[in-house]
C-alpha atoms as a PDB file:
ATOM      1  CA  MET A   1      56.051 212.924 485.579  1.00  0.00           C
ATOM      2  CA  ASN A   2      53.008 212.173 487.128  1.00  0.00           C
ATOM      3  CA  ILE A   3      51.471 215.899 487.278  1.00  0.00           C
ATOM      4  CA  ALA A   4      52.498 216.255 483.340  1.00  0.00           C
ATOM      5  CA  ARG A   5      50.577 213.243 482.384  1.00  0.00           C
ATOM      6  CA  SER A   6      47.851 214.736 484.478  1.00  0.00           C
ATOM      7  CA  ILE A   7      48.482 218.177 483.230  1.00  0.00           C
ATOM      8  CA  THR A   8      48.174 216.826 479.184  1.00  0.00           C
ATOM      9  CA  LEU A   9      45.365 214.653 479.972  1.00  0.00           C
ATOM     10  CA  THR A  10      43.005 217.945 481.186  1.00  0.00           C
ATOM     11  CA  LEU A  11      43.670 219.804 478.162  1.00  0.00           C
ATOM     12  CA  SER A  12      43.323 216.959 476.031  1.00  0.00           C
ATOM     13  CA  VAL A  13      39.769 216.728 477.380  1.00  0.00           C
ATOM     14  CA  ALA A  14      39.339 220.741 477.553  1.00  0.00           C
ATOM     15  CA  MET A  15      40.032 220.298 473.436  1.00  0.00           C
ATOM     16  CA  LEU A  16      37.077 217.678 472.927  1.00  0.00           C
ATOM     17  CA  THR A  17      34.640 219.176 475.071  1.00  0.00           C
ATOM     18  CA  LEU A  18      35.583 222.440 473.156  1.00  0.00           C
ATOM     19  CA  VAL A  19      35.445 220.687 469.369  1.00  0.00           C
ATOM     20  CA  PHE A  20      32.464 218.567 469.635  1.00  0.00           C
ATOM     21  CA  PRO A  21      30.424 221.152 470.640  1.00  0.00           C
ATOM     22  CA  THR A  22      31.240 223.479 467.946  1.00  0.00           C
ATOM     23  CA  ARG A  23      30.966 220.669 465.163  1.00  0.00           C
ATOM     24  CA  MET A  24      27.733 219.839 466.646  1.00  0.00           C
ATOM     25  CA  SER A  25      26.091 222.846 466.929  1.00  0.00           C
ATOM     26  CA  ALA A  26      27.424 223.592 463.039  1.00  0.00           C
ATOM     27  CA  GLN A  27      25.708 220.165 461.958  1.00  0.00           C
ATOM     28  CA  SER A  28      22.367 221.461 463.585  1.00  0.00           C
ATOM     29  CA  ALA A  29      22.629 224.710 462.154  1.00  0.00           C
ATOM     30  CA  ASP A  30      22.970 223.128 458.562  1.00  0.00           C
ATOM     31  CA  THR A  31      19.895 220.815 459.041  1.00  0.00           C
ATOM     32  CA  THR A  32      17.519 223.786 460.087  1.00  0.00           C
ATOM     33  CA  ALA A  33      18.483 225.661 457.150  1.00  0.00           C
ATOM     34  CA  VAL A  34      17.974 222.434 454.755  1.00  0.00           C
ATOM     35  CA  LYS A  35      14.477 222.041 457.045  1.00  0.00           C
ATOM     36  CA  GLN A  36      13.725 225.534 455.946  1.00  0.00           C
ATOM     37  CA  ASP A  37      14.960 225.661 452.516  1.00  0.00           C
ATOM     38  CA  THR A  38      12.830 222.127 451.897  1.00  0.00           C
ATOM     39  CA  ILE A  39       9.686 224.614 453.739  1.00  0.00           C
ATOM     40  CA  VAL A  40      10.236 227.290 451.866  1.00  0.00           C
ATOM     41  CA  LYS A  41      10.182 225.479 448.578  1.00  0.00           C
ATOM     42  CA  LYS A  42       6.837 223.425 449.244  1.00  0.00           C
ATOM     43  CA  ASP A  43       4.750 226.510 450.380  1.00  0.00           C
ATOM     44  CA  THR A  44       6.240 227.983 447.093  1.00  0.00           C
ATOM     45  CA  LEU A  45       5.161 225.070 445.306  1.00  0.00           C
ATOM     46  CA  HIS A  46       1.538 225.117 446.957  1.00  0.00           C
ATOM     47  CA  ALA A  47       1.585 228.699 446.282  1.00  0.00           C
ATOM     48  CA  ALA A  48       1.682 228.422 443.199  1.00  0.00           C
ATOM     49  CA  ILE A  49      -0.340 225.761 442.248  1.00  0.00           C
ATOM     50  CA  LYS A  50      -3.263 227.276 443.939  1.00  0.00           C
ATOM     51  CA  THR A  51      -3.108 230.332 442.063  1.00  0.00           C
ATOM     52  CA  ASP A  52      -3.030 228.127 438.807  1.00  0.00           C
ATOM     53  CA  THR A  53      -6.117 226.616 440.084  1.00  0.00           C
ATOM     54  CA  VAL A  54      -7.988 229.487 440.888  1.00  0.00           C
ATOM     55  CA  ALA A  55      -6.896 231.332 437.602  1.00  0.00           C
ATOM     56  CA  LYS A  56      -8.198 227.540 435.318  1.00  0.00           C
ATOM     57  CA  ARG A  57     -11.590 228.538 437.410  1.00  0.00           C
ATOM     58  CA  LYS A  58     -12.100 232.037 436.700  1.00  0.00           C
ATOM     59  CA  GLN A  59     -11.198 231.436 433.163  1.00  0.00           C
ATOM     60  CA  LYS A  60     -14.099 231.315 431.661  1.00  0.00           C
ATOM     61  CA  ARG A  61     -14.945 230.099 427.400  1.00  0.00           C
ATOM     62  CA  ASP A  62     -15.513 233.109 425.636  1.00  0.00           C
ATOM     63  CA  TRP A  63     -18.968 231.623 423.066  1.00  0.00           C
ATOM     64  CA  GLU A  64     -18.593 234.543 420.822  1.00  0.00           C
ATOM     65  CA  THR A  65     -15.021 233.174 419.575  1.00  0.00           C
ATOM     66  CA  TRP A  66     -15.463 229.720 420.218  1.00  0.00           C
ATOM     67  CA  ARG A  67     -15.397 227.452 416.798  1.00  0.00           C
ATOM     68  CA  PRO A  68     -16.375 223.819 416.995  1.00  0.00           C
ATOM     69  CA  SER A  69     -14.057 220.204 415.886  1.00  0.00           C
ATOM     70  CA  SER A  70     -16.099 218.910 412.962  1.00  0.00           C
ATOM     71  CA  LYS A  71     -14.284 215.394 414.152  1.00  0.00           C
ATOM     72  CA  ARG A  72     -15.102 215.714 417.593  1.00  0.00           C
ATOM     73  CA  ALA A  73     -19.474 217.279 416.014  1.00  0.00           C
ATOM     74  CA  LEU A  74     -18.604 213.673 413.747  1.00  0.00           C
ATOM     75  CA  TRP A  75     -18.341 211.773 416.376  1.00  0.00           C
ATOM     76  CA  LEU A  76     -20.835 212.363 418.973  1.00  0.00           C
ATOM     77  CA  SER A  77     -23.308 212.505 416.290  1.00  0.00           C
ATOM     78  CA  LEU A  78     -22.609 209.125 415.404  1.00  0.00           C
ATOM     79  CA  VAL A  79     -22.525 207.550 419.072  1.00  0.00           C
ATOM     80  CA  LEU A  80     -25.528 209.518 420.168  1.00  0.00           C
ATOM     81  CA  PRO A  81     -27.851 211.311 417.110  1.00  0.00           C
ATOM     82  CA  GLY A  82     -28.500 214.962 417.994  1.00  0.00           C
ATOM     83  CA  ALA A  83     -25.389 215.493 420.415  1.00  0.00           C
ATOM     84  CA  GLY A  84     -23.212 216.709 417.343  1.00  0.00           C
ATOM     85  CA  GLN A  85     -25.969 219.463 416.828  1.00  0.00           C
ATOM     86  CA  ILE A  86     -25.945 220.085 420.815  1.00  0.00           C
ATOM     87  CA  TYR A  87     -21.929 220.648 420.603  1.00  0.00           C
ATOM     88  CA  ASN A  88     -21.960 222.928 417.572  1.00  0.00           C
ATOM     89  CA  ARG A  89     -25.054 224.722 419.892  1.00  0.00           C
ATOM     90  CA  LYS A  90     -28.073 224.213 417.000  1.00  0.00           C
ATOM     91  CA  TYR A  91     -30.588 223.283 419.341  1.00  0.00           C
ATOM     92  CA  TRP A  92     -33.185 224.502 416.904  1.00  0.00           C
ATOM     93  CA  LYS A  93     -32.151 221.478 414.757  1.00  0.00           C
ATOM     94  CA  LEU A  94     -33.217 218.983 417.786  1.00  0.00           C
ATOM     95  CA  PRO A  95     -36.764 218.357 417.121  1.00  0.00           C
ATOM     96  CA  ILE A  96     -35.885 218.007 413.399  1.00  0.00           C
ATOM     97  CA  VAL A  97     -33.714 215.193 414.213  1.00  0.00           C
ATOM     98  CA  TYR A  98     -35.826 213.705 417.004  1.00  0.00           C
ATOM     99  CA  GLY A  99     -39.107 214.248 414.975  1.00  0.00           C
ATOM    100  CA  GLY A 100     -37.586 212.714 411.973  1.00  0.00           C
ATOM    101  CA  PHE A 101     -36.673 209.748 414.286  1.00  0.00           C
ATOM    102  CA  VAL A 102     -40.002 209.448 415.850  1.00  0.00           C
ATOM    103  CA  GLY A 103     -42.319 209.916 412.912  1.00  0.00           C
ATOM    104  CA  CYS A 104     -39.861 206.792 410.824  1.00  0.00           C
ATOM    105  CA  ALA A 105     -40.181 204.383 414.320  1.00  0.00           C
ATOM    106  CA  TYR A 106     -44.058 205.250 414.568  1.00  0.00           C
ATOM    107  CA  ALA A 107     -44.405 204.632 410.386  1.00  0.00           C
ATOM    108  CA  MET A 108     -42.650 201.120 410.516  1.00  0.00           C
ATOM    109  CA  ARG A 109     -44.587 200.004 413.563  1.00  0.00           C
ATOM    110  CA  TRP A 110     -47.714 200.476 412.147  1.00  0.00           C
ATOM    111  CA  ASN A 111     -46.882 199.113 408.800  1.00  0.00           C
ATOM    112  CA  ASN A 112     -45.414 196.032 410.240  1.00  0.00           C
ATOM    113  CA  MET A 113     -48.641 196.031 412.098  1.00  0.00           C
ATOM    114  CA  MET A 114     -50.887 195.725 409.160  1.00  0.00           C
ATOM    115  CA  TYR A 115     -48.483 193.635 407.560  1.00  0.00           C
ATOM    116  CA  LYS A 116     -48.843 191.523 409.839  1.00  0.00           C
ATOM    117  CA  ASP A 117     -52.388 191.712 410.185  1.00  0.00           C
ATOM    118  CA  TYR A 118     -53.057 191.208 406.088  1.00  0.00           C
ATOM    119  CA  SER A 119     -50.505 188.555 406.365  1.00  0.00           C
ATOM    120  CA  GLN A 120     -52.999 186.655 408.064  1.00  0.00           C
ATOM    121  CA  ALA A 121     -55.758 187.585 406.609  1.00  0.00           C
ATOM    122  CA  TYR A 122     -54.002 186.216 403.188  1.00  0.00           C
ATOM    123  CA  MET A 123     -53.413 183.190 404.841  1.00  0.00           C
ATOM    124  CA  ASP A 124     -56.864 182.530 405.942  1.00  0.00           C
ATOM    125  CA  ILE A 125     -58.497 183.428 402.690  1.00  0.00           C
ATOM    126  CA  MET A 126     -56.122 181.206 400.926  1.00  0.00           C
ATOM    127  CA  ASP A 127     -56.665 178.044 403.104  1.00  0.00           C
ATOM    128  CA  ASP A 128     -60.131 175.886 403.322  1.00  0.00           C
ATOM    129  CA  ASP A 129     -60.548 176.148 406.903  1.00  0.00           C
ATOM    130  CA  PRO A 130     -63.885 177.506 408.061  1.00  0.00           C
ATOM    131  CA  ASN A 131     -63.022 178.468 410.996  1.00  0.00           C
ATOM    132  CA  THR A 132     -60.427 181.049 410.139  1.00  0.00           C
ATOM    133  CA  GLN A 133     -61.881 184.110 408.721  1.00  0.00           C
ATOM    134  CA  SER A 134     -59.865 186.578 410.001  1.00  0.00           C
ATOM    135  CA  TYR A 135     -60.088 188.580 406.905  1.00  0.00           C
ATOM    136  CA  ASN A 136     -63.816 189.210 407.424  1.00  0.00           C
ATOM    137  CA  GLN A 137     -62.593 192.417 409.567  1.00  0.00           C
ATOM    138  CA  PHE A 138     -61.436 194.317 406.935  1.00  0.00           C
ATOM    139  CA  LEU A 139     -64.553 193.531 404.918  1.00  0.00           C
ATOM    140  CA  HIS A 140     -67.282 196.514 404.574  1.00  0.00           C
ATOM    141  CA  LEU A 141     -70.492 196.373 405.895  1.00  0.00           C
ATOM    142  CA  GLY A 142     -72.812 194.234 404.303  1.00  0.00           C
ATOM    143  CA  ASN A 143     -69.808 192.036 402.744  1.00  0.00           C
ATOM    144  CA  LYS A 144     -69.458 188.588 402.081  1.00  0.00           C
ATOM    145  CA  VAL A 145     -66.277 186.510 400.867  1.00  0.00           C
ATOM    146  CA  ASP A 146     -68.117 183.839 398.194  1.00  0.00           C
ATOM    147  CA  GLU A 147     -67.020 181.421 395.114  1.00  0.00           C
ATOM    148  CA  SER A 148     -67.973 184.350 393.477  1.00  0.00           C
ATOM    149  CA  ASN A 149     -65.727 187.167 394.331  1.00  0.00           C
ATOM    150  CA  LYS A 150     -62.599 184.977 396.230  1.00  0.00           C
ATOM    151  CA  ASP A 151     -60.289 185.043 393.591  1.00  0.00           C
ATOM    152  CA  TYR A 152     -61.037 189.155 393.607  1.00  0.00           C
ATOM    153  CA  TYR A 153     -60.733 189.598 397.558  1.00  0.00           C
ATOM    154  CA  GLN A 154     -57.486 187.115 397.507  1.00  0.00           C
ATOM    155  CA  ASP A 155     -55.659 189.286 395.201  1.00  0.00           C
ATOM    156  CA  LEU A 156     -56.671 191.982 397.077  1.00  0.00           C
ATOM    157  CA  PHE A 157     -55.291 190.884 400.712  1.00  0.00           C
ATOM    158  CA  ARG A 158     -51.714 190.025 399.000  1.00  0.00           C
ATOM    159  CA  LYS A 159     -51.634 193.128 397.532  1.00  0.00           C
ATOM    160  CA  ARG A 160     -52.079 194.807 400.475  1.00  0.00           C
ATOM    161  CA  LYS A 161     -50.119 193.055 401.983  1.00  0.00           C
ATOM    162  CA  ASP A 162     -47.038 192.852 400.001  1.00  0.00           C
ATOM    163  CA  ARG A 163     -47.439 197.123 399.806  1.00  0.00           C
ATOM    164  CA  TYR A 164     -47.282 197.153 403.623  1.00  0.00           C
ATOM    165  CA  ARG A 165     -44.563 194.968 403.851  1.00  0.00           C
ATOM    166  CA  LYS A 166     -42.757 197.597 401.208  1.00  0.00           C
ATOM    167  CA  TRP A 167     -43.854 200.750 403.111  1.00  0.00           C
ATOM    168  CA  ARG A 168     -42.310 199.026 406.098  1.00  0.00           C
ATOM    169  CA  ASP A 169     -39.148 198.623 404.994  1.00  0.00           C
ATOM    170  CA  MET A 170     -39.052 202.092 403.099  1.00  0.00           C
ATOM    171  CA  SER A 171     -39.393 203.167 407.111  1.00  0.00           C
ATOM    172  CA  PHE A 172     -36.527 201.676 408.176  1.00  0.00           C
ATOM    173  CA  PHE A 173     -34.578 203.038 405.714  1.00  0.00           C
ATOM    174  CA  CYS A 174     -35.719 206.519 406.309  1.00  0.00           C
ATOM    175  CA  MET A 175     -34.982 206.288 409.928  1.00  0.00           C
ATOM    176  CA  VAL A 176     -31.586 205.363 408.542  1.00  0.00           C
ATOM    177  CA  GLY A 177     -31.009 208.304 406.549  1.00  0.00           C
ATOM    178  CA  VAL A 178     -32.226 210.600 409.103  1.00  0.00           C
ATOM    179  CA  TYR A 179     -29.960 209.269 411.152  1.00  0.00           C
ATOM    180  CA  LEU A 180     -26.828 209.875 408.078  1.00  0.00           C
ATOM    181  CA  LEU A 181     -28.288 213.323 407.616  1.00  0.00           C
ATOM    182  CA  SER A 182     -28.048 214.125 411.250  1.00  0.00           C
ATOM    183  CA  VAL A 183     -24.209 213.169 411.492  1.00  0.00           C
ATOM    184  CA  VAL A 184     -23.755 214.732 407.577  1.00  0.00           C
ATOM    185  CA  ASP A 185     -25.501 218.257 408.856  1.00  0.00           C
ATOM    186  CA  ALA A 186     -23.791 218.150 412.311  1.00  0.00           C
ATOM    187  CA  TYR A 187     -19.876 217.236 410.101  1.00  0.00           C
ATOM    188  CA  VAL A 188     -20.609 219.923 407.634  1.00  0.00           C
ATOM    189  CA  ASP A 189     -21.931 222.670 410.242  1.00  0.00           C
ATOM    190  CA  ALA A 190     -19.188 222.379 412.590  1.00  0.00           C
ATOM    191  CA  SER A 191     -16.797 223.036 409.667  1.00  0.00           C
ATOM    192  CA  LEU A 192     -18.380 225.944 407.964  1.00  0.00           C
ATOM    193  CA  SER A 193     -18.475 227.727 411.096  1.00  0.00           C
ATOM    194  CA  GLU A 194     -14.984 228.848 410.564  1.00  0.00           C
ATOM    195  CA  PHE A 195     -15.882 229.952 407.047  1.00  0.00           C
ATOM    196  CA  ASP A 196     -14.815 233.506 407.060  1.00  0.00           C
ATOM    197  CA  ILE A 197     -17.543 235.290 405.645  1.00  0.00           C
ATOM    198  CA  SER A 198     -17.540 239.576 405.565  1.00  0.00           C
ATOM    199  CA  LYS A 199     -19.886 241.399 406.816  1.00  0.00           C
ATOM    200  CA  ASP A 200     -19.745 243.425 403.292  1.00  0.00           C
ATOM    201  CA  LEU A 201     -21.351 241.639 401.166  1.00  0.00           C
ATOM    202  CA  SER A 202     -22.771 243.497 398.406  1.00  0.00           C
ATOM    203  CA  LEU A 203     -23.235 244.177 394.826  1.00  0.00           C
ATOM    204  CA  ARG A 204     -22.069 246.901 392.687  1.00  0.00           C
ATOM    205  CA  VAL A 205     -22.813 247.461 388.946  1.00  0.00           C
ATOM    206  CA  ALA A 206     -20.586 250.128 386.978  1.00  0.00           C
ATOM    207  CA  PRO A 207     -20.004 250.761 383.782  1.00  0.00           C
ATOM    208  CA  SER A 208     -16.504 249.672 382.014  1.00  0.00           C
ATOM    209  CA  VAL A 209     -14.834 250.027 378.791  1.00  0.00           C
ATOM    210  CA  LEU A 210     -14.189 246.312 377.680  1.00  0.00           C
ATOM    211  CA  GLU A 211     -10.906 245.739 375.849  1.00  0.00           C
ATOM    212  CA  ASN A 212     -10.839 243.371 372.601  1.00  0.00           C
ATOM    213  CA  SER A 213      -7.846 240.522 371.358  1.00  0.00           C
ATOM    214  CA  GLU A 214      -5.449 241.586 369.710  1.00  0.00           C
ATOM    215  CA  GLU A 215      -6.594 240.049 366.445  1.00  0.00           C
ATOM    216  CA  GLY A 216      -9.211 242.118 367.146  1.00  0.00           C
ATOM    217  CA  LYS A 217      -7.664 245.198 366.790  1.00  0.00           C
ATOM    218  CA  ALA A 218      -5.902 244.474 363.414  1.00  0.00           C
ATOM    219  CA  ARG A 219      -8.948 243.348 361.866  1.00  0.00           C
ATOM    220  CA  ASN A 220     -10.560 246.633 362.470  1.00  0.00           C
ATOM    221  CA  PRO A 221      -9.085 248.995 364.692  1.00  0.00           C
ATOM    222  CA  PHE A 222     -12.099 250.561 365.411  1.00  0.00           C
ATOM    223  CA  LYS A 223     -14.013 247.543 367.402  1.00  0.00           C
ATOM    224  CA  SER A 224     -10.616 247.524 369.659  1.00  0.00           C
ATOM    225  CA  SER A 225     -13.229 248.489 372.940  1.00  0.00           C
ATOM    226  CA  ALA A 226     -16.271 248.297 373.485  1.00  0.00           C
ATOM    227  CA  VAL A 227     -18.818 250.173 376.739  1.00  0.00           C
ATOM    228  CA  GLY A 228     -20.567 247.674 378.621  1.00  0.00           C
ATOM    229  CA  PHE A 229     -21.587 247.236 382.613  1.00  0.00           C
ATOM    230  CA  GLN A 230     -19.135 246.023 385.125  1.00  0.00           C
ATOM    231  CA  CYS A 231     -20.443 243.722 387.961  1.00  0.00           C
ATOM    232  CA  SER A 232     -18.386 242.862 390.871  1.00  0.00           C
ATOM    233  CA  LEU A 233     -19.823 240.545 394.072  1.00  0.00           C
ATOM    234  CA  ASN A 234     -17.765 241.320 397.787  1.00  0.00           C
ATOM    235  CA  PHE A 235     -18.096 238.747 400.128  1.00  0.00           C
END
């Protein structure tokens, strides 16, 4: 009996020894296959991303077929004057836009300075203080303000003060007008970029027979048709 039990135990140990290595080797083979599959997928994904990036870098914008967006041009011009013209690639308009702004700013500054000077001169000539005579700088050489001409110079300085104030305000509104014109120009220019104009722009004049109405034919059959010229404009 002891011999039989020993033989049975030996066989059991041998079978376990044969079964466990087989299962372990199968599990390790499955793990290796999964790892290799994951590595292959990652390499494929990286290769696809790299290829897409290289293709985007190589792809260049075709400026001959490119058309600007009117909304983008509008918003760019609202944020920064002249940006819409740059976006539309109309660089020659930039000196006009910025020249208008500089001219209006200079006019506004000059008129404001003259308005302040004439305002001070008007205030000085209207008071009775002999120490305030800033108006003398506007007088011609040899001229002086006295009781005989004081009313004349008071009216003169008042008119010039009001005139320079009006010109200063007009300069400001002109600057706003230049700003609005730059915005409208950028929007219209971008919109017209998609307007199809045929290269066949021609005017053709040819003789033609003009048919009168049915009422005219009934009244006078000899005047049912007439000869004239027909113009056609292709664009």
